């Protein structure tokens, strides 16, 4: 079974992230210039979803969330379930 934990301490600040066996899985942060939030999927290169943006990073993808509108819960849940399945099925290896 894969366990996730929220709000793990990292460095000098607090990292609001989900970790799978102490390996960063996803994090959410604000974009200071636009006041938007984003959910960053660390192993995004394995995810194929039209709402995920790759940007300049090849390994990671982000999902932008407008905090002034209702969160698209179904889309977020779908992306997170797909990402967790990559770990469950062994596509992304984690140390025991």
Protein backbone atom coordinates (compact mmCIF):
# COMPACT_ATOMS: atom_id res chain seq x y z
CA UNK A 1 0.00 0.00 0.00
CA UNK A 2 1.25 3.49 -0.82
CA UNK A 3 1.06 6.00 1.99
CA UNK A 4 1.08 9.74 1.45
CA UNK A 5 1.79 12.44 3.96
CA UNK A 6 1.05 16.13 3.81
CA UNK A 7 3.05 19.09 5.08
CA UNK A 8 6.41 17.46 5.55
CA UNK A 9 9.27 19.64 6.81
CA UNK A 10 11.95 20.41 4.25
CA UNK A 11 14.93 22.68 4.70
CA UNK A 12 14.16 25.99 6.37
CA UNK A 13 10.50 26.16 5.33
CA UNK A 14 7.53 23.89 5.26
CA UNK A 15 6.87 21.97 2.04
CA UNK A 16 3.22 21.23 1.43
CA UNK A 17 3.77 18.02 -0.47
CA UNK A 18 2.64 14.46 -0.76
CA UNK A 19 5.41 11.94 -0.35
CA UNK A 20 5.52 8.26 -1.21
CA UNK A 21 8.09 6.48 0.91
CA UNK A 22 9.89 9.79 1.51
CA UNK A 23 10.00 10.59 -2.21
CA UNK A 24 8.26 13.76 -3.33
CA UNK A 25 5.14 12.99 -5.36
CA UNK A 26 3.28 16.30 -5.72
CA UNK A 27 3.26 19.77 -4.22
CA UNK A 28 1.09 22.83 -4.42
CA UNK A 29 2.30 26.41 -4.38
CA UNK A 30 1.12 29.91 -5.29
CA UNK A 31 2.43 31.75 -8.35
CA UNK A 32 3.34 35.13 -6.86
CA UNK A 33 2.98 37.18 -10.04
CA UNK A 34 -0.52 35.97 -10.93
CA UNK A 35 -2.01 34.93 -7.55
CA UNK A 36 -2.80 31.53 -9.05
CA UNK A 37 -2.10 28.22 -7.40
CA UNK A 38 -0.53 25.26 -9.10
CA UNK A 39 -0.19 21.59 -8.33
CA UNK A 40 3.18 20.27 -9.43
CA UNK A 41 3.42 16.61 -10.36
CA UNK A 42 7.05 15.52 -9.93
CA UNK A 43 6.88 12.59 -12.37
CA UNK A 44 4.70 14.51 -14.82
CA UNK A 45 6.52 13.17 -17.87
CA UNK A 46 4.53 9.95 -17.42
CA UNK A 47 1.20 11.79 -17.27
CA UNK A 48 -0.75 12.68 -20.37
CA UNK A 49 -3.56 15.09 -19.50
CA UNK A 50 -4.62 18.13 -21.55
CA UNK A 51 -4.70 20.42 -18.48
CA UNK A 52 -1.12 19.64 -17.42
CA UNK A 53 1.57 22.06 -18.59
CA UNK A 54 5.16 20.96 -19.10
CA UNK A 55 6.84 24.33 -19.46
CA UNK A 56 10.64 24.35 -19.34
CA UNK A 57 10.85 21.31 -17.08
CA UNK A 58 11.03 17.93 -18.75
CA UNK A 59 10.32 15.79 -15.67
CA UNK A 60 7.60 17.84 -13.99
CA UNK A 61 4.22 19.16 -15.07
CA UNK A 62 1.91 21.64 -13.39
CA UNK A 63 -1.84 22.04 -13.13
CA UNK A 64 -2.92 25.66 -12.68
CA UNK A 65 -5.80 26.44 -10.32
CA UNK A 66 -7.60 29.78 -10.17
CA UNK A 67 -8.28 30.47 -6.46
CA UNK A 68 -11.14 32.83 -7.36
CA UNK A 69 -13.15 30.02 -8.94
CA UNK A 70 -14.34 26.65 -7.66
CA UNK A 71 -11.56 24.09 -7.74
CA UNK A 72 -12.05 21.48 -10.47
CA UNK A 73 -12.16 18.61 -7.97
CA UNK A 74 -12.95 15.90 -10.56
CA UNK A 75 -9.99 16.93 -12.72
CA UNK A 76 -7.61 17.13 -9.76
CA UNK A 77 -8.79 13.76 -8.45
CA UNK A 78 -8.40 12.20 -11.89
CA UNK A 79 -4.83 13.49 -12.27
CA UNK A 80 -3.83 12.37 -8.76
CA UNK A 81 -5.35 8.90 -9.21
CA UNK A 82 -3.56 8.47 -12.53
CA UNK A 83 -0.27 9.55 -10.93
CA UNK A 84 -0.72 7.19 -7.96
CA UNK A 85 -1.45 4.32 -10.34
CA UNK A 86 1.99 4.83 -11.89
CA UNK A 87 3.52 4.01 -8.50
CA UNK A 88 1.09 1.18 -7.74
CA UNK A 89 1.74 -0.52 -11.09
CA UNK A 90 5.51 -0.12 -10.80
CA UNK A 91 5.93 2.23 -13.75
CA UNK A 92 7.75 4.56 -11.36
CA UNK A 93 10.03 2.61 -9.05
CA UNK A 94 10.31 3.44 -5.35
CA UNK A 95 12.69 1.98 -2.82
CA UNK A 96 11.21 -0.32 -0.22
